[in-house]
Amino acid sequence: MTFGKVEFGPKLAEGKTKIIYAHPQQEDLVYMVHKDGLSAGDGARRNTLPGKGKLACRTTSNVFYLLEDEGVDTHYVGMVAENVNIVTRCKMVPLEVVMRRIATGSYLRRHPEVAEGTRFEPVLVEFFLKDDALHDPLISEAEIVARGIASQEEVDLMRETGRKVFLILEKAWAKQDVTLVDCKIEYGRAVSDGSLLVADVIDNDSWRIWPGGDKNRMLDKQIYRDMPEVTDERLRALLAKYEIVAEMTDKFVED
C-alpha cells in the first residue's frame, strides 16, 4: 500500500484515532497514520473531524521531538507525511499513565472531598488499565506487578518518566502563558530489545490546557466531551482550537 510517497506494509492494528502499518523493509519500525476520528465516553460519542489527523500528527511530532531533545526515550523517529509518523515498533503496555498538577475532572468525581483547583506537588501520577469493557479502571502499582503487566522496576520507570514528561511540557506551555493541568501518556516495549519507551501519541486529546490558567478558555478535547449536543458549527469551532494548539506546539521546536 502506498500513501502519497510512503509505501506501507500490512496493517498491524487500528484504533479510534490511528492505524499502524508495518514498514516494508525494517521490522523494527512501523508507520502510524493519524485519523480524523474523535471520540469520548468510551466511544459512546464519535465524530469525524476532517483535518484533525494532520493537526494531531503535527502536534504529536512537535511534542515527541521536544521530549527526545530533552533526553526522554520515546518511540518517535520522524514525520514522513502530513498525517504519518514513523516510529519504533513496540508491544504496548496496557496502561494509561496520567500525571496531574491540578485537581479537576474525573479526579474530583473519585475524590469529592478535594476542592477543584487543588495543586499537586509533586505531580500526582495514576495508572489506569486499558480495558474498554471495564471503562479503563484505576489500578494500583502493586496490582500492576501482581498481574504481570509490568515489573516493579518498570512501574518505577513509568512513574518517574511520566513526571519528567509532564515537567518538560509544563515548562514549554508556561512560556506561552498556558497551564498544563494534566496529561496522559502510554508506554511500549521496543520489539528489538524490550526497552521501555514513551509511545503512542501525545496530542490535543492527551492533556488539559488552560490559557492563563482559566478553565473557561480551555483548548483541548474536553470541549468536545462537554458539548451538550454535537453540531457542525461546534465541530468547526473545535477544529479551530486544534489548529491553534498545533501552531502553539510549533514553538516547542523553534526555541
C-alpha atoms as a PDB file:
ATOM      1  CA  MET A   1       0.000   0.000   0.000  1.00  0.00           C
ATOM      2  CA  THR A   2       1.240   3.497  -0.812  1.00  0.00           C
ATOM      3  CA  PHE A   3       0.209   6.699   0.953  1.00  0.00           C
ATOM      4  CA  GLY A   4       1.496   9.637  -1.051  1.00  0.00           C
ATOM      5  CA  LYS A   5       5.161   8.721  -1.491  1.00  0.00           C
ATOM      6  CA  VAL A   6       5.202   6.444   1.573  1.00  0.00           C
ATOM      7  CA  GLU A   7       4.955   2.718   0.940  1.00  0.00           C
ATOM      8  CA  PHE A   8       3.248   0.772   3.728  1.00  0.00           C
ATOM      9  CA  GLY A   9       3.473  -2.859   4.666  1.00  0.00           C
ATOM     10  CA  PRO A  10       0.473  -4.791   6.061  1.00  0.00           C
ATOM     11  CA  LYS A  11      -1.909  -3.175   8.543  1.00  0.00           C
ATOM     12  CA  LEU A  12      -0.992  -4.287  12.058  1.00  0.00           C
ATOM     13  CA  ALA A  13      -3.591  -2.518  14.199  1.00  0.00           C
ATOM     14  CA  GLU A  14      -6.312   0.100  14.087  1.00  0.00           C
ATOM     15  CA  GLY A  15      -7.843   2.174  16.840  1.00  0.00           C
ATOM     16  CA  LYS A  16     -10.268   5.070  17.067  1.00  0.00           C
ATOM     17  CA  THR A  17      -7.669   7.687  16.124  1.00  0.00           C
ATOM     18  CA  LYS A  18      -4.815   5.917  14.329  1.00  0.00           C
ATOM     19  CA  ILE A  19      -3.777   3.000  12.127  1.00  0.00           C
ATOM     20  CA  ILE A  20      -0.464   1.142  12.434  1.00  0.00           C
ATOM     21  CA  TYR A  21       1.205  -0.290   9.331  1.00  0.00           C
ATOM     22  CA  ALA A  22       4.349  -2.396   9.081  1.00  0.00           C
ATOM     23  CA  HIS A  23       7.435  -0.896   7.476  1.00  0.00           C
ATOM     24  CA  PRO A  24       8.079  -2.821   4.244  1.00  0.00           C
ATOM     25  CA  GLN A  25      11.841  -3.075   4.826  1.00  0.00           C
ATOM     26  CA  GLN A  26      12.563  -2.663   8.541  1.00  0.00           C
ATOM     27  CA  GLU A  27      10.857  -4.953  11.034  1.00  0.00           C
ATOM     28  CA  ASP A  28      11.666  -2.728  13.997  1.00  0.00           C
ATOM     29  CA  LEU A  29       9.795   0.279  12.551  1.00  0.00           C
ATOM     30  CA  VAL A  30       6.124   0.994  11.836  1.00  0.00           C
ATOM     31  CA  TYR A  31       4.063   3.765  10.292  1.00  0.00           C
ATOM     32  CA  MET A  32       1.460   5.490  12.444  1.00  0.00           C
ATOM     33  CA  VAL A  33      -1.329   7.147  10.452  1.00  0.00           C
ATOM     34  CA  HIS A  34      -3.415   9.700  12.350  1.00  0.00           C
ATOM     35  CA  LYS A  35      -7.138   9.513  11.559  1.00  0.00           C
ATOM     36  CA  ASP A  36      -9.777  12.239  11.669  1.00  0.00           C
ATOM     37  CA  GLY A  37     -11.779  10.374  14.304  1.00  0.00           C
ATOM     38  CA  LEU A  38     -12.863  11.910  17.594  1.00  0.00           C
ATOM     39  CA  SER A  39     -14.473  10.016  20.456  1.00  0.00           C
ATOM     40  CA  ALA A  40     -15.457  10.414  24.092  1.00  0.00           C
ATOM     41  CA  GLY A  41     -17.220   8.465  26.805  1.00  0.00           C
ATOM     42  CA  ASP A  42     -15.534   5.144  25.949  1.00  0.00           C
ATOM     43  CA  GLY A  43     -16.626   5.621  22.358  1.00  0.00           C
ATOM     44  CA  ALA A  44     -20.256   6.431  23.174  1.00  0.00           C
ATOM     45  CA  ARG A  45     -19.769   9.735  21.325  1.00  0.00           C
ATOM     46  CA  ARG A  46     -17.987   9.512  17.977  1.00  0.00           C
ATOM     47  CA  ASN A  47     -17.492  12.001  15.188  1.00  0.00           C
ATOM     48  CA  THR A  48     -15.244  12.661  12.240  1.00  0.00           C
ATOM     49  CA  LEU A  49     -13.375  15.939  12.267  1.00  0.00           C
ATOM     50  CA  PRO A  50     -11.822  16.405   8.810  1.00  0.00           C
ATOM     51  CA  GLY A  51      -8.304  17.747   9.167  1.00  0.00           C
ATOM     52  CA  LYS A  52      -7.832  16.542  12.746  1.00  0.00           C
ATOM     53  CA  GLY A  53      -5.419  13.785  11.703  1.00  0.00           C
ATOM     54  CA  LYS A  54      -2.996  16.278  10.167  1.00  0.00           C
ATOM     55  CA  LEU A  55      -3.141  18.504  13.236  1.00  0.00           C
ATOM     56  CA  ALA A  56      -2.729  15.546  15.612  1.00  0.00           C
ATOM     57  CA  CYS A  57       0.324  14.363  13.672  1.00  0.00           C
ATOM     58  CA  ARG A  58       1.834  17.840  13.727  1.00  0.00           C
ATOM     59  CA  THR A  59       1.201  18.291  17.445  1.00  0.00           C
ATOM     60  CA  THR A  60       2.458  14.863  18.481  1.00  0.00           C
ATOM     61  CA  SER A  61       5.545  15.289  16.275  1.00  0.00           C
ATOM     62  CA  ASN A  62       6.360  18.588  17.978  1.00  0.00           C
ATOM     63  CA  VAL A  63       5.858  17.068  21.424  1.00  0.00           C
ATOM     64  CA  PHE A  64       7.944  13.959  20.799  1.00  0.00           C
ATOM     65  CA  TYR A  65      10.704  15.976  19.159  1.00  0.00           C
ATOM     66  CA  LEU A  66      10.849  18.136  22.292  1.00  0.00           C
ATOM     67  CA  LEU A  67      10.906  15.098  24.587  1.00  0.00           C
ATOM     68  CA  GLU A  68      13.704  13.456  22.584  1.00  0.00           C
ATOM     69  CA  ASP A  69      15.666  16.706  22.705  1.00  0.00           C
ATOM     70  CA  GLU A  70      15.243  16.717  26.494  1.00  0.00           C
ATOM     71  CA  GLY A  71      16.598  13.175  26.815  1.00  0.00           C
ATOM     72  CA  VAL A  72      13.365  11.174  27.152  1.00  0.00           C
ATOM     73  CA  ASP A  73      13.439   7.739  25.491  1.00  0.00           C
ATOM     74  CA  THR A  74      10.495   7.592  23.057  1.00  0.00           C
ATOM     75  CA  HIS A  75       9.408   5.583  20.031  1.00  0.00           C
ATOM     76  CA  TYR A  76       9.497   8.667  17.805  1.00  0.00           C
ATOM     77  CA  VAL A  77      11.594   8.568  14.638  1.00  0.00           C
ATOM     78  CA  GLY A  78      10.102  11.214  12.365  1.00  0.00           C
ATOM     79  CA  MET A  79       7.203  12.676  10.412  1.00  0.00           C
ATOM     80  CA  VAL A  80       7.084  11.373   6.849  1.00  0.00           C
ATOM     81  CA  ALA A  81       3.767  12.821   5.625  1.00  0.00           C
ATOM     82  CA  GLU A  82       1.306  15.399   6.924  1.00  0.00           C
ATOM     83  CA  ASN A  83      -0.568  12.763   8.938  1.00  0.00           C
ATOM     84  CA  VAL A  84       2.023   9.951   9.122  1.00  0.00           C
ATOM     85  CA  ASN A  85       4.748   9.305  11.688  1.00  0.00           C
ATOM     86  CA  ILE A  86       7.401   6.642  11.535  1.00  0.00           C
ATOM     87  CA  VAL A  87       8.071   5.155  14.969  1.00  0.00           C
ATOM     88  CA  THR A  88       9.860   2.289  16.676  1.00  0.00           C
ATOM     89  CA  ARG A  89       7.735  -0.844  16.662  1.00  0.00           C
ATOM     90  CA  CYS A  90       6.592  -1.611  20.192  1.00  0.00           C
ATOM     91  CA  LYS A  91       4.446  -4.028  22.090  1.00  0.00           C
ATOM     92  CA  MET A  92       2.213  -1.657  24.002  1.00  0.00           C
ATOM     93  CA  VAL A  93       1.856  -1.878  27.785  1.00  0.00           C
ATOM     94  CA  PRO A  94      -1.913  -1.924  28.524  1.00  0.00           C
ATOM     95  CA  LEU A  95      -1.791   1.102  30.815  1.00  0.00           C
ATOM     96  CA  GLU A  96      -2.552   4.791  30.624  1.00  0.00           C
ATOM     97  CA  VAL A  97      -0.306   6.838  32.878  1.00  0.00           C
ATOM     98  CA  VAL A  98      -1.905  10.102  33.976  1.00  0.00           C
ATOM     99  CA  MET A  99       0.014  12.966  35.540  1.00  0.00           C
ATOM    100  CA  ARG A 100      -1.984  15.625  37.385  1.00  0.00           C
ATOM    101  CA  ARG A 101      -0.885  19.063  38.519  1.00  0.00           C
ATOM    102  CA  ILE A 102      -4.359  20.455  39.257  1.00  0.00           C
ATOM    103  CA  ALA A 103      -7.393  18.581  40.594  1.00  0.00           C
ATOM    104  CA  THR A 104     -10.286  18.639  38.150  1.00  0.00           C
ATOM    105  CA  GLY A 105     -12.478  16.340  36.071  1.00  0.00           C
ATOM    106  CA  SER A 106     -12.587  12.637  36.877  1.00  0.00           C
ATOM    107  CA  TYR A 107     -10.249  13.039  39.857  1.00  0.00           C
ATOM    108  CA  LEU A 108     -12.873  15.155  41.619  1.00  0.00           C
ATOM    109  CA  ARG A 109     -15.584  12.601  40.897  1.00  0.00           C
ATOM    110  CA  ARG A 110     -13.453   9.994  42.630  1.00  0.00           C
ATOM    111  CA  HIS A 111     -12.412  12.376  45.412  1.00  0.00           C
ATOM    112  CA  PRO A 112     -15.319  14.760  46.121  1.00  0.00           C
ATOM    113  CA  GLU A 113     -13.599  15.870  49.321  1.00  0.00           C
ATOM    114  CA  VAL A 114     -10.879  17.584  47.253  1.00  0.00           C
ATOM    115  CA  ALA A 115     -11.507  21.143  46.075  1.00  0.00           C
ATOM    116  CA  GLU A 116     -11.249  21.849  42.370  1.00  0.00           C
ATOM    117  CA  GLY A 117      -8.035  23.665  41.610  1.00  0.00           C
ATOM    118  CA  THR A 118      -6.049  21.907  44.339  1.00  0.00           C
ATOM    119  CA  ARG A 119      -2.431  21.805  43.209  1.00  0.00           C
ATOM    120  CA  PHE A 120      -0.435  18.582  43.458  1.00  0.00           C
ATOM    121  CA  GLU A 121       3.208  18.945  44.441  1.00  0.00           C
ATOM    122  CA  PRO A 122       4.926  16.804  43.306  1.00  0.00           C
ATOM    123  CA  VAL A 123       2.862  15.936  40.241  1.00  0.00           C
ATOM    124  CA  LEU A 124       0.410  13.144  41.057  1.00  0.00           C
ATOM    125  CA  VAL A 125       0.805  10.001  38.925  1.00  0.00           C
ATOM    126  CA  GLU A 126      -2.021   7.497  38.451  1.00  0.00           C
ATOM    127  CA  PHE A 127      -2.211   4.281  36.431  1.00  0.00           C
ATOM    128  CA  PHE A 128      -5.287   3.106  34.556  1.00  0.00           C
ATOM    129  CA  LEU A 129      -5.767  -0.320  32.994  1.00  0.00           C
ATOM    130  CA  LYS A 130      -6.646  -0.093  29.314  1.00  0.00           C
ATOM    131  CA  ASP A 131      -9.816  -2.177  29.159  1.00  0.00           C
ATOM    132  CA  ASP A 132     -12.844  -0.724  27.352  1.00  0.00           C
ATOM    133  CA  ALA A 133     -15.203  -3.286  28.870  1.00  0.00           C
ATOM    134  CA  LEU A 134     -14.233  -2.111  32.366  1.00  0.00           C
ATOM    135  CA  HIS A 135     -14.040   1.581  31.370  1.00  0.00           C
ATOM    136  CA  ASP A 136     -10.271   1.800  31.936  1.00  0.00           C
ATOM    137  CA  PRO A 137     -10.268   1.431  35.743  1.00  0.00           C
ATOM    138  CA  LEU A 138      -7.709   2.865  38.130  1.00  0.00           C
ATOM    139  CA  ILE A 139      -5.108   0.231  39.023  1.00  0.00           C
ATOM    140  CA  SER A 140      -2.545   0.259  41.827  1.00  0.00           C
ATOM    141  CA  GLU A 141       1.159  -0.215  41.319  1.00  0.00           C
ATOM    142  CA  ALA A 142       1.040  -3.396  43.414  1.00  0.00           C
ATOM    143  CA  GLU A 143      -1.711  -4.857  41.218  1.00  0.00           C
ATOM    144  CA  ILE A 144       0.217  -3.987  38.043  1.00  0.00           C
ATOM    145  CA  VAL A 145       3.138  -6.038  39.349  1.00  0.00           C
ATOM    146  CA  ALA A 146       0.939  -8.853  40.706  1.00  0.00           C
ATOM    147  CA  ARG A 147      -0.807  -9.265  37.345  1.00  0.00           C
ATOM    148  CA  GLY A 148       2.491  -9.384  35.497  1.00  0.00           C
ATOM    149  CA  ILE A 149       1.674  -6.293  33.449  1.00  0.00           C
ATOM    150  CA  ALA A 150       4.998  -4.721  34.366  1.00  0.00           C
ATOM    151  CA  SER A 151       7.808  -5.289  36.845  1.00  0.00           C
ATOM    152  CA  GLN A 152       8.285  -3.003  39.829  1.00  0.00           C
ATOM    153  CA  GLU A 153      11.361  -1.582  38.105  1.00  0.00           C
ATOM    154  CA  GLU A 154       9.243  -0.766  35.034  1.00  0.00           C
ATOM    155  CA  VAL A 155       6.493   0.762  37.171  1.00  0.00           C
ATOM    156  CA  ASP A 156       9.059   2.985  38.889  1.00  0.00           C
ATOM    157  CA  LEU A 157      10.460   3.993  35.497  1.00  0.00           C
ATOM    158  CA  MET A 158       6.986   4.761  34.087  1.00  0.00           C
ATOM    159  CA  ARG A 159       6.112   6.883  37.110  1.00  0.00           C
ATOM    160  CA  GLU A 160       9.321   8.908  37.142  1.00  0.00           C
ATOM    161  CA  THR A 161       9.488   9.267  33.364  1.00  0.00           C
ATOM    162  CA  GLY A 162       5.863  10.406  33.432  1.00  0.00           C
ATOM    163  CA  ARG A 163       6.755  13.145  35.876  1.00  0.00           C
ATOM    164  CA  LYS A 164       9.697  14.157  33.708  1.00  0.00           C
ATOM    165  CA  VAL A 165       7.477  14.312  30.614  1.00  0.00           C
ATOM    166  CA  PHE A 166       4.967  16.451  32.487  1.00  0.00           C
ATOM    167  CA  LEU A 167       7.584  18.900  33.747  1.00  0.00           C
ATOM    168  CA  ILE A 168       9.062  19.304  30.261  1.00  0.00           C
ATOM    169  CA  LEU A 169       5.657  20.016  28.744  1.00  0.00           C
ATOM    170  CA  GLU A 170       4.589  22.197  31.671  1.00  0.00           C
ATOM    171  CA  LYS A 171       7.647  24.397  31.134  1.00  0.00           C
ATOM    172  CA  ALA A 172       7.064  24.584  27.381  1.00  0.00           C
ATOM    173  CA  TRP A 173       3.423  25.585  27.837  1.00  0.00           C
ATOM    174  CA  ALA A 174       4.238  28.088  30.578  1.00  0.00           C
ATOM    175  CA  LYS A 175       6.367  30.045  28.094  1.00  0.00           C
ATOM    176  CA  GLN A 176       3.093  30.778  26.270  1.00  0.00           C
ATOM    177  CA  ASP A 177       1.128  31.500  29.459  1.00  0.00           C
ATOM    178  CA  VAL A 178      -0.727  28.193  29.252  1.00  0.00           C
ATOM    179  CA  THR A 179      -1.284  25.998  32.313  1.00  0.00           C
ATOM    180  CA  LEU A 180      -0.804  22.274  31.775  1.00  0.00           C
ATOM    181  CA  VAL A 181      -3.425  20.824  34.097  1.00  0.00           C
ATOM    182  CA  ASP A 182      -2.912  17.121  33.432  1.00  0.00           C
ATOM    183  CA  CYS A 183      -1.558  14.819  30.757  1.00  0.00           C
ATOM    184  CA  LYS A 184      -1.748  11.129  29.858  1.00  0.00           C
ATOM    185  CA  ILE A 185       0.881   9.014  28.157  1.00  0.00           C
ATOM    186  CA  GLU A 186       1.404   5.392  27.222  1.00  0.00           C
ATOM    187  CA  TYR A 187       4.426   3.126  27.058  1.00  0.00           C
ATOM    188  CA  GLY A 188       5.593   0.358  24.787  1.00  0.00           C
ATOM    189  CA  ARG A 189       8.410  -2.183  24.831  1.00  0.00           C
ATOM    190  CA  ALA A 190      10.563  -1.994  21.717  1.00  0.00           C
ATOM    191  CA  VAL A 191      10.311  -5.297  19.828  1.00  0.00           C
ATOM    192  CA  SER A 192      14.021  -5.113  19.053  1.00  0.00           C
ATOM    193  CA  ASP A 193      15.354  -5.100  22.618  1.00  0.00           C
ATOM    194  CA  GLY A 194      12.429  -4.807  25.066  1.00  0.00           C
ATOM    195  CA  SER A 195      13.393  -1.323  26.205  1.00  0.00           C
ATOM    196  CA  LEU A 196      10.552   0.717  27.698  1.00  0.00           C
ATOM    197  CA  LEU A 197       9.686   3.777  25.604  1.00  0.00           C
ATOM    198  CA  VAL A 198       7.151   6.586  25.788  1.00  0.00           C
ATOM    199  CA  ALA A 199       4.950   5.590  22.862  1.00  0.00           C
ATOM    200  CA  ASP A 200       1.589   6.072  21.105  1.00  0.00           C
ATOM    201  CA  VAL A 201       0.698   9.781  20.762  1.00  0.00           C
ATOM    202  CA  ILE A 202       0.708  12.943  22.847  1.00  0.00           C
ATOM    203  CA  ASP A 203      -1.593  15.410  21.159  1.00  0.00           C
ATOM    204  CA  ASN A 204      -4.542  17.658  21.949  1.00  0.00           C
ATOM    205  CA  ASP A 205      -6.573  14.657  23.132  1.00  0.00           C
ATOM    206  CA  SER A 206      -3.882  13.819  25.703  1.00  0.00           C
ATOM    207  CA  TRP A 207      -3.992  16.780  28.068  1.00  0.00           C
ATOM    208  CA  ARG A 208      -5.955  19.603  29.600  1.00  0.00           C
ATOM    209  CA  ILE A 209      -4.505  23.030  28.799  1.00  0.00           C
ATOM    210  CA  TRP A 210      -5.918  26.286  30.170  1.00  0.00           C
ATOM    211  CA  PRO A 211      -4.564  29.558  28.721  1.00  0.00           C
ATOM    212  CA  GLY A 212      -3.849  31.950  31.564  1.00  0.00           C
ATOM    213  CA  GLY A 213      -4.895  29.196  33.970  1.00  0.00           C
ATOM    214  CA  ASP A 214      -8.533  29.883  33.039  1.00  0.00           C
ATOM    215  CA  LYS A 215     -10.639  26.744  32.674  1.00  0.00           C
ATOM    216  CA  ASN A 216     -13.186  28.701  30.624  1.00  0.00           C
ATOM    217  CA  ARG A 217     -10.540  29.213  27.921  1.00  0.00           C
ATOM    218  CA  MET A 218      -9.610  25.533  27.553  1.00  0.00           C
ATOM    219  CA  LEU A 219      -8.241  24.470  24.169  1.00  0.00           C
ATOM    220  CA  ASP A 220      -8.291  20.690  24.440  1.00  0.00           C
ATOM    221  CA  LYS A 221     -10.578  17.704  23.849  1.00  0.00           C
ATOM    222  CA  GLN A 222     -12.600  18.471  26.990  1.00  0.00           C
ATOM    223  CA  ILE A 223     -14.506  20.972  24.845  1.00  0.00           C
ATOM    224  CA  TYR A 224     -15.836  18.031  22.821  1.00  0.00           C
ATOM    225  CA  ARG A 225     -16.662  15.990  25.930  1.00  0.00           C
ATOM    226  CA  ASP A 226     -18.602  18.934  27.358  1.00  0.00           C
ATOM    227  CA  MET A 227     -20.684  19.650  24.248  1.00  0.00           C
ATOM    228  CA  PRO A 228     -24.380  19.345  25.197  1.00  0.00           C
ATOM    229  CA  GLU A 229     -25.020  18.473  21.550  1.00  0.00           C
ATOM    230  CA  VAL A 230     -22.563  17.963  18.720  1.00  0.00           C
ATOM    231  CA  THR A 231     -23.259  20.265  15.775  1.00  0.00           C
ATOM    232  CA  ASP A 232     -21.309  21.092  12.630  1.00  0.00           C
ATOM    233  CA  GLU A 233     -20.751  24.614  13.905  1.00  0.00           C
ATOM    234  CA  ARG A 234     -19.344  23.382  17.212  1.00  0.00           C
ATOM    235  CA  LEU A 235     -17.096  20.899  15.436  1.00  0.00           C
ATOM    236  CA  ARG A 236     -15.723  23.640  13.191  1.00  0.00           C
ATOM    237  CA  ALA A 237     -15.005  25.746  16.265  1.00  0.00           C
ATOM    238  CA  LEU A 238     -13.288  22.768  17.892  1.00  0.00           C
ATOM    239  CA  LEU A 239     -11.106  22.172  14.837  1.00  0.00           C
ATOM    240  CA  ALA A 240     -10.022  25.817  15.049  1.00  0.00           C
ATOM    241  CA  LYS A 241      -8.861  25.158  18.638  1.00  0.00           C
ATOM    242  CA  TYR A 242      -6.882  22.118  17.490  1.00  0.00           C
ATOM    243  CA  GLU A 243      -5.214  24.258  14.837  1.00  0.00           C
ATOM    244  CA  ILE A 244      -4.312  26.891  17.443  1.00  0.00           C
ATOM    245  CA  VAL A 245      -2.737  24.181  19.604  1.00  0.00           C
ATOM    246  CA  ALA A 246      -0.741  22.770  16.679  1.00  0.00           C
ATOM    247  CA  GLU A 247       0.581  26.258  15.926  1.00  0.00           C
ATOM    248  CA  MET A 248       1.472  26.781  19.584  1.00  0.00           C
ATOM    249  CA  THR A 249       3.350  23.479  19.772  1.00  0.00           C
ATOM    250  CA  ASP A 250       5.353  24.524  16.704  1.00  0.00           C
ATOM    251  CA  LYS A 251       7.057  26.900  19.153  1.00  0.00           C
ATOM    252  CA  PHE A 252       8.212  23.902  21.210  1.00  0.00           C
ATOM    253  CA  VAL A 253      10.730  23.100  18.478  1.00  0.00           C
ATOM    254  CA  GLU A 254      11.507  26.644  17.370  1.00  0.00           C
ATOM    255  CA  ASP A 255      13.019  27.804  20.668  1.00  0.00           C
END
